[in-house]
PDB file of all heavy atoms in Angstrom:
ATOM      1  N   GLN A   1     156.655-113.885  16.144  1.00  0.00           N
ATOM      2  CA  GLN A   1     156.059-113.312  17.337  1.00  0.00           C
ATOM      3  C   GLN A   1     154.617-113.780  17.491  1.00  0.00           C
ATOM      4  O   GLN A   1     153.963-114.121  16.490  1.00  0.00           O
ATOM      5  CB  GLN A   1     156.104-111.781  17.266  1.00  0.00           C
ATOM      6  CG  GLN A   1     157.493-111.212  17.342  1.00  0.00           C
ATOM      7  CD  GLN A   1     157.485-109.698  17.429  1.00  0.00           C
ATOM      8  OE1 GLN A   1     156.507-109.036  17.093  1.00  0.00           O
ATOM      9  NE2 GLN A   1     158.601-109.129  17.899  1.00  0.00           N
ATOM     10  N   PRO A   2     154.110-113.772  18.714  1.00  0.00           N
ATOM     11  CA  PRO A   2     152.695-114.110  18.907  1.00  0.00           C
ATOM     12  C   PRO A   2     151.800-113.222  18.042  1.00  0.00           C
ATOM     13  O   PRO A   2     152.048-112.010  17.921  1.00  0.00           O
ATOM     14  CB  PRO A   2     152.481-113.839  20.398  1.00  0.00           C
ATOM     15  CG  PRO A   2     153.827-114.064  21.002  1.00  0.00           C
ATOM     16  CD  PRO A   2     154.818-113.570  19.983  1.00  0.00           C
ATOM     17  N   GLY A   3     150.797-113.855  17.435  1.00  0.00           N
ATOM     18  CA  GLY A   3     149.917-113.149  16.517  1.00  0.00           C
ATOM     19  C   GLY A   3     150.371-113.178  15.080  1.00  0.00           C
ATOM     20  O   GLY A   3     149.619-112.770  14.179  1.00  0.00           O
ATOM     21  N   GLY A   4     151.572-113.648  14.852  1.00  0.00           N
ATOM     22  CA  GLY A   4     152.128-113.699  13.503  1.00  0.00           C
ATOM     23  C   GLY A   4     151.659-114.912  12.714  1.00  0.00           C
ATOM     24  O   GLY A   4     150.836-115.714  13.183  1.00  0.00           O
ATOM     25  N   SER A   5     152.204-115.031  11.511  1.00  0.00           N
ATOM     26  CA  SER A   5     151.814-116.100  10.592  1.00  0.00           C
ATOM     27  C   SER A   5     153.033-116.796  10.011  1.00  0.00           C
ATOM     28  O   SER A   5     154.109-116.183   9.871  1.00  0.00           O
ATOM     29  CB  SER A   5     150.978-115.535   9.434  1.00  0.00           C
ATOM     30  OG  SER A   5     149.783-114.959   9.889  1.00  0.00           O
ATOM     31  N   LEU A   6     152.849-118.055   9.668  1.00  0.00           N
ATOM     32  CA  LEU A   6     153.834-118.829   8.926  1.00  0.00           C
ATOM     33  C   LEU A   6     153.094-119.754   7.976  1.00  0.00           C
ATOM     34  O   LEU A   6     151.954-120.159   8.245  1.00  0.00           O
ATOM     35  CB  LEU A   6     154.705-119.681   9.858  1.00  0.00           C
ATOM     36  CG  LEU A   6     155.789-119.004  10.675  1.00  0.00           C
ATOM     37  CD1 LEU A   6     156.417-120.008  11.638  1.00  0.00           C
ATOM     38  CD2 LEU A   6     156.866-118.403   9.787  1.00  0.00           C
ATOM     39  N   ARG A   7     153.751-120.105   6.890  1.00  0.00           N
ATOM     40  CA  ARG A   7     153.207-121.085   5.955  1.00  0.00           C
ATOM     41  C   ARG A   7     154.211-122.215   5.794  1.00  0.00           C
ATOM     42  O   ARG A   7     155.326-121.986   5.309  1.00  0.00           O
ATOM     43  CB  ARG A   7     152.922-120.459   4.594  1.00  0.00           C
ATOM     44  CG  ARG A   7     152.164-121.379   3.645  1.00  0.00           C
ATOM     45  CD  ARG A   7     152.209-120.850   2.233  1.00  0.00           C
ATOM     46  NE  ARG A   7     151.241-121.470   1.356  1.00  0.00           N
ATOM     47  CZ  ARG A   7     151.367-121.508   0.020  1.00  0.00           C
ATOM     48  NH1 ARG A   7     152.408-120.967  -0.555  1.00  0.00           N
ATOM     49  NH2 ARG A   7     150.429-122.093  -0.719  1.00  0.00           N
ATOM     50  N   LEU A   8     153.815-123.394   6.210  1.00  0.00           N
ATOM     51  CA  LEU A   8     154.653-124.567   6.057  1.00  0.00           C
ATOM     52  C   LEU A   8     154.331-125.261   4.733  1.00  0.00           C
ATOM     53  O   LEU A   8     153.184-125.280   4.290  1.00  0.00           O
ATOM     54  CB  LEU A   8     154.418-125.547   7.207  1.00  0.00           C
ATOM     55  CG  LEU A   8     154.568-124.997   8.626  1.00  0.00           C
ATOM     56  CD1 LEU A   8     154.395-126.129   9.634  1.00  0.00           C
ATOM     57  CD2 LEU A   8     155.892-124.307   8.818  1.00  0.00           C
ATOM     58  N   SER A   9     155.365-125.844   4.138  1.00  0.00           N
ATOM     59  CA  SER A   9     155.204-126.622   2.918  1.00  0.00           C
ATOM     60  C   SER A   9     155.815-128.005   3.132  1.00  0.00           C
ATOM     61  O   SER A   9     156.778-128.153   3.882  1.00  0.00           O
ATOM     62  CB  SER A   9     155.901-125.946   1.740  1.00  0.00           C
ATOM     63  OG  SER A   9     155.367-124.672   1.488  1.00  0.00           O
ATOM     64  N   CYS A  10     155.250-128.982   2.442  1.00  0.00           N
ATOM     65  CA  CYS A  10     155.797-130.334   2.473  1.00  0.00           C
ATOM     66  C   CYS A  10     155.743-130.877   1.053  1.00  0.00           C
ATOM     67  O   CYS A  10     154.647-131.104   0.513  1.00  0.00           O
ATOM     68  CB  CYS A  10     155.004-131.222   3.414  1.00  0.00           C
ATOM     69  SG  CYS A  10     155.427-132.977   3.338  1.00  0.00           S
ATOM     70  N   ALA A  11     156.914-131.038   0.456  1.00  0.00           N
ATOM     71  CA  ALA A  11     157.011-131.528  -0.911  1.00  0.00           C
ATOM     72  C   ALA A  11     157.289-133.021  -0.885  1.00  0.00           C
ATOM     73  O   ALA A  11     158.248-133.476  -0.242  1.00  0.00           O
ATOM     74  CB  ALA A  11     158.110-130.790  -1.651  1.00  0.00           C
ATOM     75  N   ALA A  12     156.458-133.775  -1.589  1.00  0.00           N
ATOM     76  CA  ALA A  12     156.572-135.231  -1.621  1.00  0.00           C
ATOM     77  C   ALA A  12     157.144-135.699  -2.946  1.00  0.00           C
ATOM     78  O   ALA A  12     156.870-135.113  -3.993  1.00  0.00           O
ATOM     79  CB  ALA A  12     155.206-135.867  -1.406  1.00  0.00           C
ATOM     80  N   SER A  13     157.928-136.770  -2.885  1.00  0.00           N
ATOM     81  CA  SER A  13     158.436-137.409  -4.092  1.00  0.00           C
ATOM     82  C   SER A  13     158.479-138.915  -3.851  1.00  0.00           C
ATOM     83  O   SER A  13     158.535-139.377  -2.710  1.00  0.00           O
ATOM     84  CB  SER A  13     159.817-136.875  -4.458  1.00  0.00           C
ATOM     85  OG  SER A  13     160.741-137.112  -3.423  1.00  0.00           O
ATOM     86  N   GLY A  14     158.411-139.662  -4.959  1.00  0.00           N
ATOM     87  CA  GLY A  14     158.496-141.113  -4.861  1.00  0.00           C
ATOM     88  C   GLY A  14     157.203-141.784  -4.432  1.00  0.00           C
ATOM     89  O   GLY A  14     157.216-142.970  -4.081  1.00  0.00           O
ATOM     90  N   ILE A  15     156.102-141.041  -4.450  1.00  0.00           N
ATOM     91  CA  ILE A  15     154.813-141.574  -4.017  1.00  0.00           C
ATOM     92  C   ILE A  15     153.722-140.966  -4.898  1.00  0.00           C
ATOM     93  O   ILE A  15     153.880-139.839  -5.383  1.00  0.00           O
ATOM     94  CB  ILE A  15     154.565-141.241  -2.526  1.00  0.00           C
ATOM     95  CG1 ILE A  15     153.366-142.009  -1.959  1.00  0.00           C
ATOM     96  CG2 ILE A  15     154.426-139.750  -2.302  1.00  0.00           C
ATOM     97  CD1 ILE A  15     153.222-141.891  -0.447  1.00  0.00           C
ATOM     98  N   SER A  16     152.641-141.717  -5.106  1.00  0.00           N
ATOM     99  CA  SER A  16     151.504-141.192  -5.874  1.00  0.00           C
ATOM    100  C   SER A  16     150.696-140.267  -4.964  1.00  0.00           C
ATOM    101  O   SER A  16     149.641-140.628  -4.432  1.00  0.00           O
ATOM    102  CB  SER A  16     150.643-142.340  -6.387  1.00  0.00           C
ATOM    103  OG  SER A  16     151.376-143.150  -7.280  1.00  0.00           O
ATOM    104  N   PHE A  17     151.204-139.071  -4.817  1.00  0.00           N
ATOM    105  CA  PHE A  17     150.724-138.098  -3.836  1.00  0.00           C
ATOM    106  C   PHE A  17     149.212-137.929  -3.883  1.00  0.00           C
ATOM    107  O   PHE A  17     148.534-137.891  -2.860  1.00  0.00           O
ATOM    108  CB  PHE A  17     151.437-136.772  -4.094  1.00  0.00           C
ATOM    109  CG  PHE A  17     151.025-135.653  -3.188  1.00  0.00           C
ATOM    110  CD1 PHE A  17     151.576-135.526  -1.918  1.00  0.00           C
ATOM    111  CD2 PHE A  17     150.114-134.693  -3.621  1.00  0.00           C
ATOM    112  CE1 PHE A  17     151.211-134.484  -1.092  1.00  0.00           C
ATOM    113  CE2 PHE A  17     149.744-133.646  -2.798  1.00  0.00           C
ATOM    114  CZ  PHE A  17     150.295-133.537  -1.527  1.00  0.00           C
ATOM    115  N   ARG A  18     148.655-137.828  -5.092  1.00  0.00           N
ATOM    116  CA  ARG A  18     147.241-137.485  -5.231  1.00  0.00           C
ATOM    117  C   ARG A  18     146.311-138.573  -4.686  1.00  0.00           C
ATOM    118  O   ARG A  18     145.123-138.323  -4.481  1.00  0.00           O
ATOM    119  CB  ARG A  18     146.912-137.229  -6.694  1.00  0.00           C
ATOM    120  CG  ARG A  18     147.130-138.430  -7.599  1.00  0.00           C
ATOM    121  CD  ARG A  18     146.834-138.123  -9.054  1.00  0.00           C
ATOM    122  NE  ARG A  18     147.098-139.280  -9.904  1.00  0.00           N
ATOM    123  CZ  ARG A  18     146.241-140.255 -10.096  1.00  0.00           C
ATOM    124  NH1 ARG A  18     145.037-140.212  -9.511  1.00  0.00           N
ATOM    125  NH2 ARG A  18     146.538-141.274 -10.873  1.00  0.00           N
ATOM    126  N   LEU A  19     146.838-139.774  -4.478  1.00  0.00           N
ATOM    127  CA  LEU A  19     146.000-140.886  -4.041  1.00  0.00           C
ATOM    128  C   LEU A  19     145.775-140.926  -2.523  1.00  0.00           C
ATOM    129  O   LEU A  19     144.930-141.692  -2.051  1.00  0.00           O
ATOM    130  CB  LEU A  19     146.626-142.212  -4.474  1.00  0.00           C
ATOM    131  CG  LEU A  19     146.749-142.435  -5.970  1.00  0.00           C
ATOM    132  CD1 LEU A  19     147.370-143.811  -6.234  1.00  0.00           C
ATOM    133  CD2 LEU A  19     145.407-142.305  -6.675  1.00  0.00           C
ATOM    134  N   TYR A  20     146.521-140.118  -1.776  1.00  0.00           N
ATOM    135  CA  TYR A  20     146.523-140.279  -0.317  1.00  0.00           C
ATOM    136  C   TYR A  20     146.121-139.016   0.418  1.00  0.00           C
ATOM    137  O   TYR A  20     146.456-137.895   0.008  1.00  0.00           O
ATOM    138  CB  TYR A  20     147.911-140.707   0.155  1.00  0.00           C
ATOM    139  CG  TYR A  20     148.371-141.973  -0.493  1.00  0.00           C
ATOM    140  CD1 TYR A  20     149.400-141.970  -1.425  1.00  0.00           C
ATOM    141  CD2 TYR A  20     147.758-143.182  -0.188  1.00  0.00           C
ATOM    142  CE1 TYR A  20     149.808-143.141  -2.033  1.00  0.00           C
ATOM    143  CE2 TYR A  20     148.158-144.359  -0.796  1.00  0.00           C
ATOM    144  CZ  TYR A  20     149.185-144.330  -1.721  1.00  0.00           C
ATOM    145  OH  TYR A  20     149.575-145.485  -2.317  1.00  0.00           O
ATOM    146  N   ALA A  21     145.418-139.242   1.539  1.00  0.00           N
ATOM    147  CA  ALA A  21     145.230-138.156   2.481  1.00  0.00           C
ATOM    148  C   ALA A  21     146.579-137.794   3.097  1.00  0.00           C
ATOM    149  O   ALA A  21     147.479-138.624   3.188  1.00  0.00           O
ATOM    150  CB  ALA A  21     144.254-138.566   3.580  1.00  0.00           C
ATOM    151  N   MET A  22     146.701-136.536   3.499  1.00  0.00           N
ATOM    152  CA  MET A  22     147.932-136.025   4.083  1.00  0.00           C
ATOM    153  C   MET A  22     147.622-135.350   5.414  1.00  0.00           C
ATOM    154  O   MET A  22     146.556-134.746   5.590  1.00  0.00           O
ATOM    155  CB  MET A  22     148.597-135.019   3.153  1.00  0.00           C
ATOM    156  CG  MET A  22     149.067-135.586   1.834  1.00  0.00           C
ATOM    157  SD  MET A  22     150.436-136.739   2.035  1.00  0.00           S
ATOM    158  CE  MET A  22     151.721-135.675   2.721  1.00  0.00           C
ATOM    159  N   ASP A  23     148.571-135.456   6.331  1.00  0.00           N
ATOM    160  CA  ASP A  23     148.403-134.878   7.661  1.00  0.00           C
ATOM    161  C   ASP A  23     149.561-133.950   8.003  1.00  0.00           C
ATOM    162  O   ASP A  23     150.672-134.129   7.505  1.00  0.00           O
ATOM    163  CB  ASP A  23     148.395-135.977   8.742  1.00  0.00           C
ATOM    164  CG  ASP A  23     147.452-137.113   8.456  1.00  0.00           C
ATOM    165  OD1 ASP A  23     146.262-136.841   8.214  1.00  0.00           O
ATOM    166  OD2 ASP A  23     147.910-138.273   8.486  1.00  0.00           O
ATOM    167  N   TRP A  24     149.273-133.036   8.907  1.00  0.00           N
ATOM    168  CA  TRP A  24     150.317-132.312   9.636  1.00  0.00           C
ATOM    169  C   TRP A  24     150.180-132.691  11.109  1.00  0.00           C
ATOM    170  O   TRP A  24     149.076-132.623  11.676  1.00  0.00           O
ATOM    171  CB  TRP A  24     150.174-130.804   9.485  1.00  0.00           C
ATOM    172  CG  TRP A  24     150.640-130.271   8.180  1.00  0.00           C
ATOM    173  CD1 TRP A  24     149.880-129.949   7.088  1.00  0.00           C
ATOM    174  CD2 TRP A  24     151.996-129.966   7.816  1.00  0.00           C
ATOM    175  NE1 TRP A  24     150.670-129.482   6.076  1.00  0.00           N
ATOM    176  CE2 TRP A  24     151.975-129.487   6.489  1.00  0.00           C
ATOM    177  CE3 TRP A  24     153.224-130.054   8.478  1.00  0.00           C
ATOM    178  CZ2 TRP A  24     153.135-129.086   5.819  1.00  0.00           C
ATOM    179  CZ3 TRP A  24     154.375-129.664   7.813  1.00  0.00           C
ATOM    180  CH2 TRP A  24     154.322-129.187   6.494  1.00  0.00           C
ATOM    181  N   TYR A  25     151.302-133.090  11.692  1.00  0.00           N
ATOM    182  CA  TYR A  25     151.400-133.366  13.117  1.00  0.00           C
ATOM    183  C   TYR A  25     152.370-132.357  13.727  1.00  0.00           C
ATOM    184  O   TYR A  25     153.135-131.706  13.026  1.00  0.00           O
ATOM    185  CB  TYR A  25     151.973-134.758  13.365  1.00  0.00           C
ATOM    186  CG  TYR A  25     151.023-135.913  13.207  1.00  0.00           C
ATOM    187  CD1 TYR A  25     150.646-136.370  11.949  1.00  0.00           C
ATOM    188  CD2 TYR A  25     150.517-136.581  14.319  1.00  0.00           C
ATOM    189  CE1 TYR A  25     149.776-137.453  11.810  1.00  0.00           C
ATOM    190  CE2 TYR A  25     149.664-137.673  14.200  1.00  0.00           C
ATOM    191  CZ  TYR A  25     149.298-138.097  12.940  1.00  0.00           C
ATOM    192  OH  TYR A  25     148.442-139.174  12.807  1.00  0.00           O
ATOM    193  N   ARG A  26     152.334-132.264  15.044  1.00  0.00           N
ATOM    194  CA  ARG A  26     153.339-131.461  15.745  1.00  0.00           C
ATOM    195  C   ARG A  26     153.717-132.146  17.046  1.00  0.00           C
ATOM    196  O   ARG A  26     152.929-132.916  17.616  1.00  0.00           O
ATOM    197  CB  ARG A  26     152.844-130.040  16.015  1.00  0.00           C
ATOM    198  CG  ARG A  26     151.681-129.932  16.984  1.00  0.00           C
ATOM    199  CD  ARG A  26     151.212-128.473  17.078  1.00  0.00           C
ATOM    200  NE  ARG A  26     150.064-128.330  17.971  1.00  0.00           N
ATOM    201  CZ  ARG A  26     149.372-127.197  18.119  1.00  0.00           C
ATOM    202  NH1 ARG A  26     149.729-126.109  17.428  1.00  0.00           N
ATOM    203  NH2 ARG A  26     148.351-127.162  18.941  1.00  0.00           N
ATOM    204  N   GLN A  27     154.937-131.834  17.492  1.00  0.00           N
ATOM    205  CA  GLN A  27     155.428-132.403  18.746  1.00  0.00           C
ATOM    206  C   GLN A  27     156.239-131.355  19.492  1.00  0.00           C
ATOM    207  O   GLN A  27     157.260-130.887  18.983  1.00  0.00           O
ATOM    208  CB  GLN A  27     156.267-133.654  18.501  1.00  0.00           C
ATOM    209  CG  GLN A  27     156.646-134.387  19.765  1.00  0.00           C
ATOM    210  CD  GLN A  27     157.190-135.765  19.489  1.00  0.00           C
ATOM    211  OE1 GLN A  27     157.693-136.056  18.398  1.00  0.00           O
ATOM    212  NE2 GLN A  27     157.091-136.654  20.483  1.00  0.00           N
ATOM    213  N   ALA A  28     155.763-131.019  20.674  1.00  0.00           N
ATOM    214  CA  ALA A  28     156.492-130.115  21.551  1.00  0.00           C
ATOM    215  C   ALA A  28     157.356-130.954  22.494  1.00  0.00           C
ATOM    216  O   ALA A  28     157.069-132.138  22.721  1.00  0.00           O
ATOM    217  CB  ALA A  28     155.511-129.259  22.342  1.00  0.00           C
ATOM    218  N   PRO A  29     158.393-130.364  23.076  1.00  0.00           N
ATOM    219  CA  PRO A  29     159.262-131.116  23.985  1.00  0.00           C
ATOM    220  C   PRO A  29     158.484-131.733  25.136  1.00  0.00           C
ATOM    221  O   PRO A  29     157.668-131.071  25.783  1.00  0.00           O
ATOM    222  CB  PRO A  29     160.237-130.050  24.493  1.00  0.00           C
ATOM    223  CG  PRO A  29     160.278-129.037  23.407  1.00  0.00           C
ATOM    224  CD  PRO A  29     158.879-128.993  22.854  1.00  0.00           C
ATOM    225  N   GLY A  30     158.699-133.036  25.367  1.00  0.00           N
ATOM    226  CA  GLY A  30     158.053-133.724  26.470  1.00  0.00           C
ATOM    227  C   GLY A  30     156.595-134.023  26.274  1.00  0.00           C
ATOM    228  O   GLY A  30     155.916-134.461  27.201  1.00  0.00           O
ATOM    229  N   VAL A  31     156.103-133.818  25.051  1.00  0.00           N
ATOM    230  CA  VAL A  31     154.676-134.012  24.764  1.00  0.00           C
ATOM    231  C   VAL A  31     154.548-135.016  23.630  1.00  0.00           C
ATOM    232  O   VAL A  31     155.367-135.039  22.713  1.00  0.00           O
ATOM    233  CB  VAL A  31     154.008-132.674  24.384  1.00  0.00           C
ATOM    234  CG1 VAL A  31     152.530-132.882  24.041  1.00  0.00           C
ATOM    235  CG2 VAL A  31     154.157-131.665  25.508  1.00  0.00           C
ATOM    236  N   GLN A  32     153.497-135.823  23.684  1.00  0.00           N
ATOM    237  CA  GLN A  32     153.252-136.782  22.612  1.00  0.00           C
ATOM    238  C   GLN A  32     152.933-136.053  21.304  1.00  0.00           C
ATOM    239  O   GLN A  32     152.303-134.991  21.311  1.00  0.00           O
ATOM    240  CB  GLN A  32     152.081-137.680  23.005  1.00  0.00           C
ATOM    241  CG  GLN A  32     151.865-138.884  22.121  1.00  0.00           C
ATOM    242  CD  GLN A  32     150.848-139.845  22.701  1.00  0.00           C
ATOM    243  OE1 GLN A  32     150.292-139.612  23.782  1.00  0.00           O
ATOM    244  NE2 GLN A  32     150.602-140.947  22.013  1.00  0.00           N
ATOM    245  N   ARG A  33     153.371-136.633  20.199  1.00  0.00           N
ATOM    246  CA  ARG A  33     153.062-136.059  18.887  1.00  0.00           C
ATOM    247  C   ARG A  33     151.555-136.044  18.697  1.00  0.00           C
ATOM    248  O   ARG A  33     150.866-137.026  18.995  1.00  0.00           O
ATOM    249  CB  ARG A  33     153.734-136.880  17.791  1.00  0.00           C
ATOM    250  CG  ARG A  33     153.721-136.244  16.424  1.00  0.00           C
ATOM    251  CD  ARG A  33     154.557-137.024  15.422  1.00  0.00           C
ATOM    252  NE  ARG A  33     155.970-137.027  15.786  1.00  0.00           N
ATOM    253  CZ  ARG A  33     156.932-137.481  14.975  1.00  0.00           C
ATOM    254  NH1 ARG A  33     156.629-137.974  13.790  1.00  0.00           N
ATOM    255  NH2 ARG A  33     158.181-137.468  15.370  1.00  0.00           N
ATOM    256  N   GLU A  34     151.032-134.922  18.186  1.00  0.00           N
ATOM    257  CA  GLU A  34     149.587-134.789  18.013  1.00  0.00           C
ATOM    258  C   GLU A  34     149.239-134.410  16.580  1.00  0.00           C
ATOM    259  O   GLU A  34     149.978-133.675  15.912  1.00  0.00           O
ATOM    260  CB  GLU A  34     148.993-133.757  18.978  1.00  0.00           C
ATOM    261  CG  GLU A  34     149.434-132.328  18.747  1.00  0.00           C
ATOM    262  CD  GLU A  34     148.683-131.318  19.593  1.00  0.00           C
ATOM    263  OE1 GLU A  34     147.713-131.694  20.285  1.00  0.00           O
ATOM    264  OE2 GLU A  34     149.063-130.129  19.563  1.00  0.00           O
ATOM    265  N   LEU A  35     148.077-134.895  16.163  1.00  0.00           N
ATOM    266  CA  LEU A  35     147.563-134.586  14.840  1.00  0.00           C
ATOM    267  C   LEU A  35     146.975-133.182  14.844  1.00  0.00           C
ATOM    268  O   LEU A  35     146.121-132.867  15.675  1.00  0.00           O
ATOM    269  CB  LEU A  35     146.494-135.603  14.444  1.00  0.00           C
ATOM    270  CG  LEU A  35     145.806-135.409  13.098  1.00  0.00           C
ATOM    271  CD1 LEU A  35     146.801-135.498  11.956  1.00  0.00           C
ATOM    272  CD2 LEU A  35     144.700-136.441  12.922  1.00  0.00           C
ATOM    273  N   VAL A  36     147.414-132.368  13.912  1.00  0.00           N
ATOM    274  CA  VAL A  36     146.964-130.981  13.829  1.00  0.00           C
ATOM    275  C   VAL A  36     145.890-130.810  12.770  1.00  0.00           C
ATOM    276  O   VAL A  36     144.871-130.161  13.004  1.00  0.00           O
ATOM    277  CB  VAL A  36     148.150-130.049  13.526  1.00  0.00           C
ATOM    278  CG1 VAL A  36     147.685-128.614  13.300  1.00  0.00           C
ATOM    279  CG2 VAL A  36     149.180-130.114  14.645  1.00  0.00           C
TER     280      VAL A  36
END
C-alpha cells in the first residue's frame, strides 16, 4: 500500500562482486528504464 515499505535483494554469483559498483534500475510500462 502507499506509504509502505519493501526491501529488495540481489544475490550475485560468478562475479567478483566486491570489485564493482552496483545499481538498481526500474522500468514502468511504456517508460524508459531509469537508474534509481
